[in-house]
Amino acid sequence: MKTRHFLGGLIIILIGLILLANNFGILSWGIWYHLIRLWPLILIAVGLDLILKTVSLPYLRILPPLLIIAVICLVICLYHSQGNRFYYFFGKNTQSIELSQPLLPSIKKANINLRFKAGKLKIREGSTKNLASGNFTIPLEIMPWMKYRELNGEGFLEIGEKEKEREYLFTRWNRAHFWDIKLNSTIPLSLKISAGASDNNLNLSSLKIVEFDLDAGASNSRIRFGNITSIKARVSGGASKIKILIPHSMGVKIRTDAGLTSNNLDALGFKKSENIYLSNNYPTAEKQLKLDLDADASALKLELY
């Protein structure tokens, strides 16, 4: 067997096992931030392979792939056993910043746009005095921001972050990256989230969400809706694990695409017509959720509470 074939096979199998562990919640998607930091191992492995080509013991050429496999397995074991403390293994170069946007008396409705690059995102109910507030645990070279404007009694808030220096483009991924966002529960909200590879814990049950849009990359998302208002929602992404919690009293209509790998809607008694699923109480429910699901290679689990 050629070494290059053996190396390619081992790497593909290992990547597949990690992705499988991500999908089943065994490993957080955040592990990829640390694995990406190991990219110099590729150069080391190639260099070793070139050196070992000159020796008369061909079995030694197994060392480069074994080195890569061993180091990756070590990182996975440390990450899985240490949890959030794993970040300290790489050095504590993080900061915690708090930002808030007060709720002005003239605002009757708000549009909130979160531009979250990657990491862990948490959303929940906050103070009635603020439209939004956030606690950001991020690398030192990252700076969060809020931009706000209003028009005709409607507020428009954007939340994002920027890098202070471009040379930190790769080094920032080895540290904690966590947003804890609290939103106002007294006015109707349209919430849009754009995210990369992320773990998303979104408790919207006590918020007056009327429109919801989540566009995420490879992610693990837990979304809890309430029945305070009817909701029009869209969830899109790739290679994701999506868990949605919905009140029993809420009528549900879900449109799915062909890319969804699994769901439990049939087991919950939803009626299916082509790519549309309807709950039994949808026609008569006072509050309804209309959900468009465009998630390739993703698994959906719906829970009623």
C-alpha atoms as a PDB file:
ATOM      1  CA  MET A   1       0.000   0.000   0.000  1.00  0.00           C
ATOM      2  CA  LYS A   2       1.370   3.426  -0.928  1.00  0.00           C
ATOM      3  CA  THR A   3       1.918   5.714   2.032  1.00  0.00           C
ATOM      4  CA  ARG A   4       0.114   8.615   0.394  1.00  0.00           C
ATOM      5  CA  HIS A   5      -2.985   6.434  -0.024  1.00  0.00           C
ATOM      6  CA  PHE A   6      -2.805   5.258   3.567  1.00  0.00           C
ATOM      7  CA  LEU A   7      -2.377   8.823   4.811  1.00  0.00           C
ATOM      8  CA  GLY A   8      -5.300  10.092   2.741  1.00  0.00           C
ATOM      9  CA  GLY A   9      -7.521   7.268   3.929  1.00  0.00           C
ATOM     10  CA  LEU A  10      -6.724   7.822   7.609  1.00  0.00           C
ATOM     11  CA  ILE A  11      -7.304  11.555   7.394  1.00  0.00           C
ATOM     12  CA  ILE A  12     -10.648  11.159   5.605  1.00  0.00           C
ATOM     13  CA  ILE A  13     -11.813   8.546   8.138  1.00  0.00           C
ATOM     14  CA  LEU A  14     -10.782  10.743  11.064  1.00  0.00           C
ATOM     15  CA  ILE A  15     -12.536  13.818   9.638  1.00  0.00           C
ATOM     16  CA  GLY A  16     -15.661  11.727   9.104  1.00  0.00           C
ATOM     17  CA  LEU A  17     -15.571  10.452  12.702  1.00  0.00           C
ATOM     18  CA  ILE A  18     -15.203  13.996  14.055  1.00  0.00           C
ATOM     19  CA  LEU A  19     -18.127  15.257  11.950  1.00  0.00           C
ATOM     20  CA  LEU A  20     -20.208  12.289  13.114  1.00  0.00           C
ATOM     21  CA  ALA A  21     -19.385  13.153  16.729  1.00  0.00           C
ATOM     22  CA  ASN A  22     -20.380  16.773  16.018  1.00  0.00           C
ATOM     23  CA  ASN A  23     -23.753  15.711  14.601  1.00  0.00           C
ATOM     24  CA  PHE A  24     -24.559  13.538  17.622  1.00  0.00           C
ATOM     25  CA  GLY A  25     -23.448  16.164  20.127  1.00  0.00           C
ATOM     26  CA  ILE A  26     -20.482  14.122  21.403  1.00  0.00           C
ATOM     27  CA  LEU A  27     -18.041  16.843  20.373  1.00  0.00           C
ATOM     28  CA  SER A  28     -18.753  20.549  20.066  1.00  0.00           C
ATOM     29  CA  TRP A  29     -18.269  22.204  16.688  1.00  0.00           C
ATOM     30  CA  GLY A  30     -15.765  24.415  18.499  1.00  0.00           C
ATOM     31  CA  ILE A  31     -13.183  21.603  18.216  1.00  0.00           C
ATOM     32  CA  TRP A  32     -12.537  22.712  14.632  1.00  0.00           C
ATOM     33  CA  TYR A  33     -11.091  26.026  15.828  1.00  0.00           C
ATOM     34  CA  HIS A  34      -8.338  24.118  17.617  1.00  0.00           C
ATOM     35  CA  LEU A  35      -7.771  21.558  14.872  1.00  0.00           C
ATOM     36  CA  ILE A  36      -7.262  24.327  12.314  1.00  0.00           C
ATOM     37  CA  ARG A  37      -4.403  25.598  14.471  1.00  0.00           C
ATOM     38  CA  LEU A  38      -2.580  22.309  13.810  1.00  0.00           C
ATOM     39  CA  TRP A  39      -2.140  23.013  10.083  1.00  0.00           C
ATOM     40  CA  PRO A  40       1.725  23.192  10.392  1.00  0.00           C
ATOM     41  CA  LEU A  41       1.599  19.438  11.060  1.00  0.00           C
ATOM     42  CA  ILE A  42       0.929  18.982   7.353  1.00  0.00           C
ATOM     43  CA  LEU A  43       4.296  20.586   6.549  1.00  0.00           C
ATOM     44  CA  ILE A  44       6.017  18.466   9.210  1.00  0.00           C
ATOM     45  CA  ALA A  45       4.442  15.284   7.850  1.00  0.00           C
ATOM     46  CA  VAL A  46       5.425  16.130   4.263  1.00  0.00           C
ATOM     47  CA  GLY A  47       8.976  16.893   5.385  1.00  0.00           C
ATOM     48  CA  LEU A  48       9.218  13.599   7.268  1.00  0.00           C
ATOM     49  CA  ASP A  49       7.882  11.736   4.278  1.00  0.00           C
ATOM     50  CA  LEU A  50      10.515  13.278   2.009  1.00  0.00           C
ATOM     51  CA  ILE A  51      13.288  12.385   4.444  1.00  0.00           C
ATOM     52  CA  LEU A  52      12.056   8.821   4.935  1.00  0.00           C
ATOM     53  CA  LYS A  53      11.972   8.236   1.183  1.00  0.00           C
ATOM     54  CA  THR A  54      15.763   8.088   1.294  1.00  0.00           C
ATOM     55  CA  VAL A  55      16.037   5.374   3.970  1.00  0.00           C
ATOM     56  CA  SER A  56      16.051   1.660   3.307  1.00  0.00           C
ATOM     57  CA  LEU A  57      13.287   0.917   5.823  1.00  0.00           C
ATOM     58  CA  PRO A  58      10.036   1.686   3.965  1.00  0.00           C
ATOM     59  CA  TYR A  59       7.843   0.862   6.951  1.00  0.00           C
ATOM     60  CA  LEU A  60       9.104   4.028   8.646  1.00  0.00           C
ATOM     61  CA  ARG A  61       7.019   6.043   6.203  1.00  0.00           C
ATOM     62  CA  ILE A  62       4.046   5.236   8.390  1.00  0.00           C
ATOM     63  CA  LEU A  63       5.404   7.761  10.928  1.00  0.00           C
ATOM     64  CA  PRO A  64       4.038  10.967   9.264  1.00  0.00           C
ATOM     65  CA  PRO A  65       0.365   9.871   9.283  1.00  0.00           C
ATOM     66  CA  LEU A  66       0.759   8.383  12.755  1.00  0.00           C
ATOM     67  CA  LEU A  67       2.119  11.720  13.996  1.00  0.00           C
ATOM     68  CA  ILE A  68      -0.880  13.601  12.604  1.00  0.00           C
ATOM     69  CA  ILE A  69      -3.364  11.063  13.967  1.00  0.00           C
ATOM     70  CA  ALA A  70      -1.737  11.052  17.423  1.00  0.00           C
ATOM     71  CA  VAL A  71      -1.721  14.837  17.786  1.00  0.00           C
ATOM     72  CA  ILE A  72      -5.308  15.218  16.545  1.00  0.00           C
ATOM     73  CA  CYS A  73      -6.485  12.501  18.942  1.00  0.00           C
ATOM     74  CA  LEU A  74      -4.648  14.244  21.798  1.00  0.00           C
ATOM     75  CA  VAL A  75      -6.411  17.544  21.046  1.00  0.00           C
ATOM     76  CA  ILE A  76      -9.801  15.801  20.859  1.00  0.00           C
ATOM     77  CA  CYS A  77      -9.231  14.004  24.183  1.00  0.00           C
ATOM     78  CA  LEU A  78      -8.157  17.216  25.913  1.00  0.00           C
ATOM     79  CA  TYR A  79     -11.088  19.166  24.486  1.00  0.00           C
ATOM     80  CA  HIS A  80     -13.630  16.489  25.388  1.00  0.00           C
ATOM     81  CA  SER A  81     -12.331  16.015  28.949  1.00  0.00           C
ATOM     82  CA  GLN A  82     -11.622  19.638  29.851  1.00  0.00           C
ATOM     83  CA  GLY A  83     -14.612  21.393  28.264  1.00  0.00           C
ATOM     84  CA  ASN A  84     -14.339  25.184  28.371  1.00  0.00           C
ATOM     85  CA  ARG A  85     -11.169  24.912  30.483  1.00  0.00           C
ATOM     86  CA  PHE A  86      -9.453  23.651  27.325  1.00  0.00           C
ATOM     87  CA  TYR A  87      -8.952  27.253  26.287  1.00  0.00           C
ATOM     88  CA  TYR A  88      -6.553  27.716  29.179  1.00  0.00           C
ATOM     89  CA  PHE A  89      -4.374  24.974  27.703  1.00  0.00           C
ATOM     90  CA  PHE A  90      -3.602  27.320  24.823  1.00  0.00           C
ATOM     91  CA  GLY A  91      -3.250  30.437  26.962  1.00  0.00           C
ATOM     92  CA  LYS A  92      -5.761  32.814  28.454  1.00  0.00           C
ATOM     93  CA  ASN A  93      -5.769  35.737  26.045  1.00  0.00           C
ATOM     94  CA  THR A  94      -9.445  36.635  26.227  1.00  0.00           C
ATOM     95  CA  GLN A  95     -11.480  39.566  27.433  1.00  0.00           C
ATOM     96  CA  SER A  96     -15.046  40.138  28.579  1.00  0.00           C
ATOM     97  CA  ILE A  97     -16.879  43.191  27.234  1.00  0.00           C
ATOM     98  CA  GLU A  98     -20.440  44.340  27.948  1.00  0.00           C
ATOM     99  CA  LEU A  99     -22.474  46.469  25.544  1.00  0.00           C
ATOM    100  CA  SER A 100     -26.102  47.586  25.652  1.00  0.00           C
ATOM    101  CA  GLN A 101     -28.630  49.579  23.656  1.00  0.00           C
ATOM    102  CA  PRO A 102     -31.392  51.257  25.735  1.00  0.00           C
ATOM    103  CA  LEU A 103     -35.011  50.928  24.627  1.00  0.00           C
ATOM    104  CA  LEU A 104     -36.250  54.388  23.713  1.00  0.00           C
ATOM    105  CA  PRO A 105     -39.900  55.213  24.585  1.00  0.00           C
ATOM    106  CA  SER A 106     -40.705  56.006  20.940  1.00  0.00           C
ATOM    107  CA  ILE A 107     -39.791  52.513  19.699  1.00  0.00           C
ATOM    108  CA  LYS A 108     -42.750  50.176  19.122  1.00  0.00           C
ATOM    109  CA  LYS A 109     -40.979  47.495  17.069  1.00  0.00           C
ATOM    110  CA  ALA A 110     -37.373  46.517  16.414  1.00  0.00           C
ATOM    111  CA  ASN A 111     -35.239  44.685  13.873  1.00  0.00           C
ATOM    112  CA  ILE A 112     -32.132  43.018  15.276  1.00  0.00           C
ATOM    113  CA  ASN A 113     -29.341  41.642  13.084  1.00  0.00           C
ATOM    114  CA  LEU A 114     -26.568  39.544  14.669  1.00  0.00           C
ATOM    115  CA  ARG A 115     -23.406  38.984  12.634  1.00  0.00           C
ATOM    116  CA  PHE A 116     -21.764  36.168  14.540  1.00  0.00           C
ATOM    117  CA  LYS A 117     -18.681  34.655  12.930  1.00  0.00           C
ATOM    118  CA  ALA A 118     -18.147  31.441  14.895  1.00  0.00           C
ATOM    119  CA  GLY A 119     -18.115  30.028  18.416  1.00  0.00           C
ATOM    120  CA  LYS A 120     -20.908  29.812  20.982  1.00  0.00           C
ATOM    121  CA  LEU A 121     -24.000  32.002  20.833  1.00  0.00           C
ATOM    122  CA  LYS A 122     -26.642  32.303  23.545  1.00  0.00           C
ATOM    123  CA  ILE A 123     -29.827  34.381  23.314  1.00  0.00           C
ATOM    124  CA  ARG A 124     -32.366  34.909  26.109  1.00  0.00           C
ATOM    125  CA  GLU A 125     -34.700  37.440  27.701  1.00  0.00           C
ATOM    126  CA  GLY A 126     -33.125  40.573  29.123  1.00  0.00           C
ATOM    127  CA  SER A 127     -34.000  43.773  30.931  1.00  0.00           C
ATOM    128  CA  THR A 128     -37.096  45.704  29.838  1.00  0.00           C
ATOM    129  CA  LYS A 129     -34.989  48.879  29.955  1.00  0.00           C
ATOM    130  CA  ASN A 130     -32.748  47.746  27.104  1.00  0.00           C
ATOM    131  CA  LEU A 131     -33.532  46.792  23.558  1.00  0.00           C
ATOM    132  CA  ALA A 132     -30.507  44.510  23.722  1.00  0.00           C
ATOM    133  CA  SER A 133     -27.469  43.883  25.868  1.00  0.00           C
ATOM    134  CA  GLY A 134     -24.560  41.531  25.436  1.00  0.00           C
ATOM    135  CA  ASN A 135     -21.650  40.022  27.286  1.00  0.00           C
ATOM    136  CA  PHE A 136     -18.870  39.129  24.860  1.00  0.00           C
ATOM    137  CA  THR A 137     -16.092  36.720  25.854  1.00  0.00           C
ATOM    138  CA  ILE A 138     -13.655  37.082  22.982  1.00  0.00           C
ATOM    139  CA  PRO A 139      -9.922  37.186  22.116  1.00  0.00           C
ATOM    140  CA  LEU A 140      -8.069  40.383  22.954  1.00  0.00           C
ATOM    141  CA  GLU A 141      -7.713  41.353  19.303  1.00  0.00           C
ATOM    142  CA  ILE A 142     -11.486  41.269  18.670  1.00  0.00           C
ATOM    143  CA  MET A 143     -13.759  44.230  19.391  1.00  0.00           C
ATOM    144  CA  PRO A 144     -17.590  43.871  19.456  1.00  0.00           C
ATOM    145  CA  TRP A 145     -19.831  46.689  18.273  1.00  0.00           C
ATOM    146  CA  MET A 146     -23.468  47.780  18.189  1.00  0.00           C
ATOM    147  CA  LYS A 147     -24.925  50.073  15.539  1.00  0.00           C
ATOM    148  CA  TYR A 148     -28.360  51.557  16.090  1.00  0.00           C
ATOM    149  CA  ARG A 149     -30.778  53.767  14.190  1.00  0.00           C
ATOM    150  CA  GLU A 150     -34.508  54.400  14.262  1.00  0.00           C
ATOM    151  CA  LEU A 151     -37.115  55.360  11.715  1.00  0.00           C
ATOM    152  CA  ASN A 152     -40.804  56.094  12.281  1.00  0.00           C
ATOM    153  CA  GLY A 153     -40.993  54.375  15.641  1.00  0.00           C
ATOM    154  CA  GLU A 154     -39.034  51.322  14.497  1.00  0.00           C
ATOM    155  CA  GLY A 155     -35.556  50.486  15.795  1.00  0.00           C
ATOM    156  CA  PHE A 156     -32.789  48.869  13.744  1.00  0.00           C
ATOM    157  CA  LEU A 157     -29.911  47.302  15.672  1.00  0.00           C
ATOM    158  CA  GLU A 158     -26.856  45.494  14.292  1.00  0.00           C
ATOM    159  CA  ILE A 159     -24.399  43.584  16.472  1.00  0.00           C
ATOM    160  CA  GLY A 160     -21.066  42.364  15.179  1.00  0.00           C
ATOM    161  CA  GLU A 161     -17.334  42.394  15.776  1.00  0.00           C
ATOM    162  CA  LYS A 162     -14.123  43.437  14.054  1.00  0.00           C
ATOM    163  CA  GLU A 163     -10.479  42.511  14.344  1.00  0.00           C
ATOM    164  CA  LYS A 164      -8.094  45.150  15.616  1.00  0.00           C
ATOM    165  CA  GLU A 165      -5.129  43.826  13.636  1.00  0.00           C
ATOM    166  CA  ARG A 166      -5.147  41.671  10.503  1.00  0.00           C
ATOM    167  CA  GLU A 167      -2.154  39.612  11.646  1.00  0.00           C
ATOM    168  CA  TYR A 168      -4.421  37.962  14.243  1.00  0.00           C
ATOM    169  CA  LEU A 169      -6.615  36.444  11.556  1.00  0.00           C
ATOM    170  CA  PHE A 170      -5.568  32.863  12.355  1.00  0.00           C
ATOM    171  CA  THR A 171      -4.436  33.083  15.977  1.00  0.00           C
ATOM    172  CA  ARG A 172      -7.792  34.203  17.340  1.00  0.00           C
ATOM    173  CA  TRP A 173      -9.433  30.819  16.718  1.00  0.00           C
ATOM    174  CA  ASN A 174      -7.558  29.152  19.557  1.00  0.00           C
ATOM    175  CA  ARG A 175      -9.398  31.015  22.309  1.00  0.00           C
ATOM    176  CA  ALA A 176     -12.892  31.340  23.741  1.00  0.00           C
ATOM    177  CA  HIS A 177     -15.458  33.025  21.543  1.00  0.00           C
ATOM    178  CA  PHE A 178     -18.826  33.385  23.265  1.00  0.00           C
ATOM    179  CA  TRP A 179     -21.709  35.838  22.917  1.00  0.00           C
ATOM    180  CA  ASP A 180     -24.405  36.049  25.606  1.00  0.00           C
ATOM    181  CA  ILE A 181     -27.150  38.264  24.150  1.00  0.00           C
ATOM    182  CA  LYS A 182     -30.220  39.432  26.082  1.00  0.00           C
ATOM    183  CA  LEU A 183     -33.188  40.895  24.198  1.00  0.00           C
ATOM    184  CA  ASN A 184     -36.213  42.972  25.170  1.00  0.00           C
ATOM    185  CA  SER A 185     -39.470  41.066  25.723  1.00  0.00           C
ATOM    186  CA  THR A 186     -41.962  43.949  25.615  1.00  0.00           C
ATOM    187  CA  ILE A 187     -42.025  44.875  21.891  1.00  0.00           C
ATOM    188  CA  PRO A 188     -42.311  42.826  18.672  1.00  0.00           C
ATOM    189  CA  LEU A 189     -38.922  41.752  17.306  1.00  0.00           C
ATOM    190  CA  SER A 190     -37.620  40.655  13.926  1.00  0.00           C
ATOM    191  CA  LEU A 191     -34.433  38.696  14.602  1.00  0.00           C
ATOM    192  CA  LYS A 192     -31.854  37.762  11.966  1.00  0.00           C
ATOM    193  CA  ILE A 193     -28.712  35.765  12.773  1.00  0.00           C
ATOM    194  CA  SER A 194     -25.836  35.164  10.366  1.00  0.00           C
ATOM    195  CA  ALA A 195     -23.281  32.737  11.792  1.00  0.00           C
ATOM    196  CA  GLY A 196     -20.449  30.462  10.796  1.00  0.00           C
ATOM    197  CA  ALA A 197     -19.584  27.183  12.489  1.00  0.00           C
ATOM    198  CA  SER A 198     -21.296  27.620  15.827  1.00  0.00           C
ATOM    199  CA  ASP A 199     -23.096  26.228  18.858  1.00  0.00           C
ATOM    200  CA  ASN A 200     -26.355  28.173  19.191  1.00  0.00           C
ATOM    201  CA  ASN A 201     -28.584  28.090  22.275  1.00  0.00           C
ATOM    202  CA  LEU A 202     -31.517  30.371  21.413  1.00  0.00           C
ATOM    203  CA  ASN A 203     -34.254  30.684  24.047  1.00  0.00           C
ATOM    204  CA  LEU A 204     -36.890  32.848  22.345  1.00  0.00           C
ATOM    205  CA  SER A 205     -39.880  31.537  24.311  1.00  0.00           C
ATOM    206  CA  SER A 206     -40.485  34.722  26.317  1.00  0.00           C
ATOM    207  CA  LEU A 207     -39.760  37.147  23.461  1.00  0.00           C
ATOM    208  CA  LYS A 208     -42.274  38.693  21.054  1.00  0.00           C
ATOM    209  CA  ILE A 209     -40.575  37.268  17.979  1.00  0.00           C
ATOM    210  CA  VAL A 210     -42.627  37.830  14.827  1.00  0.00           C
ATOM    211  CA  GLU A 211     -39.888  37.065  12.280  1.00  0.00           C
ATOM    212  CA  PHE A 212     -36.842  34.855  12.748  1.00  0.00           C
ATOM    213  CA  ASP A 213     -34.017  34.065  10.307  1.00  0.00           C
ATOM    214  CA  LEU A 214     -31.019  31.876  11.124  1.00  0.00           C
ATOM    215  CA  ASP A 215     -28.339  31.379   8.466  1.00  0.00           C
ATOM    216  CA  ALA A 216     -25.514  29.272   9.886  1.00  0.00           C
ATOM    217  CA  GLY A 217     -22.718  27.097   8.599  1.00  0.00           C
ATOM    218  CA  ALA A 218     -21.865  23.739  10.142  1.00  0.00           C
ATOM    219  CA  SER A 219     -23.602  24.215  13.459  1.00  0.00           C
ATOM    220  CA  ASN A 220     -25.461  22.761  16.412  1.00  0.00           C
ATOM    221  CA  SER A 221     -28.603  24.818  17.088  1.00  0.00           C
ATOM    222  CA  ARG A 222     -31.179  24.575  19.858  1.00  0.00           C
ATOM    223  CA  ILE A 223     -34.115  26.941  19.273  1.00  0.00           C
ATOM    224  CA  ARG A 224     -36.961  27.333  21.770  1.00  0.00           C
ATOM    225  CA  PHE A 225     -39.997  29.210  20.436  1.00  0.00           C
ATOM    226  CA  GLY A 226     -42.888  30.518  22.527  1.00  0.00           C
ATOM    227  CA  ASN A 227     -46.568  31.070  21.737  1.00  0.00           C
ATOM    228  CA  ILE A 228     -46.749  34.774  22.593  1.00  0.00           C
ATOM    229  CA  THR A 229     -47.015  35.699  18.898  1.00  0.00           C
ATOM    230  CA  SER A 230     -47.346  33.965  15.562  1.00  0.00           C
ATOM    231  CA  ILE A 231     -43.914  33.529  14.001  1.00  0.00           C
ATOM    232  CA  LYS A 232     -42.593  33.416  10.462  1.00  0.00           C
ATOM    233  CA  ALA A 233     -39.209  31.677  10.562  1.00  0.00           C
ATOM    234  CA  ARG A 234     -36.443  30.503   8.266  1.00  0.00           C
ATOM    235  CA  VAL A 235     -33.490  28.280   9.183  1.00  0.00           C
ATOM    236  CA  SER A 236     -30.752  27.563   6.655  1.00  0.00           C
ATOM    237  CA  GLY A 237     -27.265  26.109   6.780  1.00  0.00           C
ATOM    238  CA  GLY A 238     -25.194  23.055   6.042  1.00  0.00           C
ATOM    239  CA  ALA A 239     -24.139  19.930   7.955  1.00  0.00           C
ATOM    240  CA  SER A 240     -26.144  21.022  10.981  1.00  0.00           C
ATOM    241  CA  LYS A 241     -27.924  19.484  13.924  1.00  0.00           C
ATOM    242  CA  ILE A 242     -31.137  21.406  14.614  1.00  0.00           C
ATOM    243  CA  LYS A 243     -33.370  20.950  17.653  1.00  0.00           C
ATOM    244  CA  ILE A 244     -36.548  23.039  17.829  1.00  0.00           C
ATOM    245  CA  LEU A 245     -38.853  23.218  20.862  1.00  0.00           C
ATOM    246  CA  ILE A 246     -42.443  24.386  20.306  1.00  0.00           C
ATOM    247  CA  PRO A 247     -45.446  24.709  22.683  1.00  0.00           C
ATOM    248  CA  HIS A 248     -48.186  22.077  22.299  1.00  0.00           C
ATOM    249  CA  SER A 249     -50.780  24.786  21.665  1.00  0.00           C
ATOM    250  CA  MET A 250     -48.936  26.282  18.692  1.00  0.00           C
ATOM    251  CA  GLY A 251     -49.897  25.299  15.158  1.00  0.00           C
ATOM    252  CA  VAL A 252     -46.874  24.382  13.043  1.00  0.00           C
ATOM    253  CA  LYS A 253     -46.245  24.403   9.304  1.00  0.00           C
ATOM    254  CA  ILE A 254     -42.795  23.300   8.146  1.00  0.00           C
ATOM    255  CA  ARG A 255     -41.452  23.350   4.610  1.00  0.00           C
ATOM    256  CA  THR A 256     -38.335  21.243   4.154  1.00  0.00           C
ATOM    257  CA  ASP A 257     -35.927  20.766   1.279  1.00  0.00           C
ATOM    258  CA  ALA A 258     -34.432  17.569  -0.091  1.00  0.00           C
ATOM    259  CA  GLY A 259     -31.147  18.123   1.765  1.00  0.00           C
ATOM    260  CA  LEU A 260     -32.576  17.228   5.187  1.00  0.00           C
ATOM    261  CA  THR A 261     -31.113  13.863   6.211  1.00  0.00           C
ATOM    262  CA  SER A 262     -33.502  13.010   9.065  1.00  0.00           C
ATOM    263  CA  ASN A 263     -36.429  14.311  11.093  1.00  0.00           C
ATOM    264  CA  ASN A 264     -39.030  13.038  13.583  1.00  0.00           C
ATOM    265  CA  LEU A 265     -42.073  14.864  12.189  1.00  0.00           C
ATOM    266  CA  ASP A 266     -43.874  11.694  11.105  1.00  0.00           C
ATOM    267  CA  ALA A 267     -43.451  10.244  14.587  1.00  0.00           C
ATOM    268  CA  LEU A 268     -45.087  13.365  16.062  1.00  0.00           C
ATOM    269  CA  GLY A 269     -48.154  12.893  13.860  1.00  0.00           C
ATOM    270  CA  PHE A 270     -47.504  15.680  11.368  1.00  0.00           C
ATOM    271  CA  LYS A 271     -49.368  15.396   8.089  1.00  0.00           C
ATOM    272  CA  LYS A 272     -47.131  15.483   5.010  1.00  0.00           C
ATOM    273  CA  SER A 273     -47.968  16.787   1.548  1.00  0.00           C
ATOM    274  CA  GLU A 274     -44.937  16.791  -0.760  1.00  0.00           C
ATOM    275  CA  ASN A 275     -42.347  18.814   1.223  1.00  0.00           C
ATOM    276  CA  ILE A 276     -44.856  20.429   3.614  1.00  0.00           C
ATOM    277  CA  TYR A 277     -45.528  19.165   7.152  1.00  0.00           C
ATOM    278  CA  LEU A 278     -48.569  20.344   9.145  1.00  0.00           C
ATOM    279  CA  SER A 279     -49.416  19.743  12.797  1.00  0.00           C
ATOM    280  CA  ASN A 280     -52.946  18.516  13.488  1.00  0.00           C
ATOM    281  CA  ASN A 281     -53.894  21.747  15.251  1.00  0.00           C
ATOM    282  CA  TYR A 282     -52.474  24.091  12.605  1.00  0.00           C
ATOM    283  CA  PRO A 283     -55.827  25.198  11.076  1.00  0.00           C
ATOM    284  CA  THR A 284     -57.359  26.064  14.466  1.00  0.00           C
ATOM    285  CA  ALA A 285     -54.404  27.224  16.540  1.00  0.00           C
ATOM    286  CA  GLU A 286     -54.489  30.813  17.760  1.00  0.00           C
ATOM    287  CA  LYS A 287     -50.717  31.185  17.349  1.00  0.00           C
ATOM    288  CA  GLN A 288     -48.846  29.614  14.438  1.00  0.00           C
ATOM    289  CA  LEU A 289     -45.258  28.927  13.441  1.00  0.00           C
ATOM    290  CA  LYS A 290     -44.461  28.913   9.727  1.00  0.00           C
ATOM    291  CA  LEU A 291     -40.960  27.531   9.253  1.00  0.00           C
ATOM    292  CA  ASP A 292     -38.911  27.256   6.053  1.00  0.00           C
ATOM    293  CA  LEU A 293     -36.038  24.820   6.550  1.00  0.00           C
ATOM    294  CA  ASP A 294     -33.238  24.965   3.966  1.00  0.00           C
ATOM    295  CA  ALA A 295     -30.481  22.947   5.588  1.00  0.00           C
ATOM    296  CA  ASP A 296     -28.325  20.624   3.514  1.00  0.00           C
ATOM    297  CA  ALA A 297     -26.994  17.430   5.120  1.00  0.00           C
ATOM    298  CA  SER A 298     -28.744  18.316   8.376  1.00  0.00           C
ATOM    299  CA  ALA A 299     -30.819  16.534  11.025  1.00  0.00           C
ATOM    300  CA  LEU A 300     -33.982  18.029  12.549  1.00  0.00           C
ATOM    301  CA  LYS A 301     -35.508  17.057  15.866  1.00  0.00           C
ATOM    302  CA  LEU A 302     -38.746  18.688  16.990  1.00  0.00           C
ATOM    303  CA  GLU A 303     -39.949  18.599  20.582  1.00  0.00           C
ATOM    304  CA  LEU A 304     -43.329  19.752  21.933  1.00  0.00           C
ATOM    305  CA  TYR A 305     -43.531  21.153  25.434  1.00  0.00           C
END
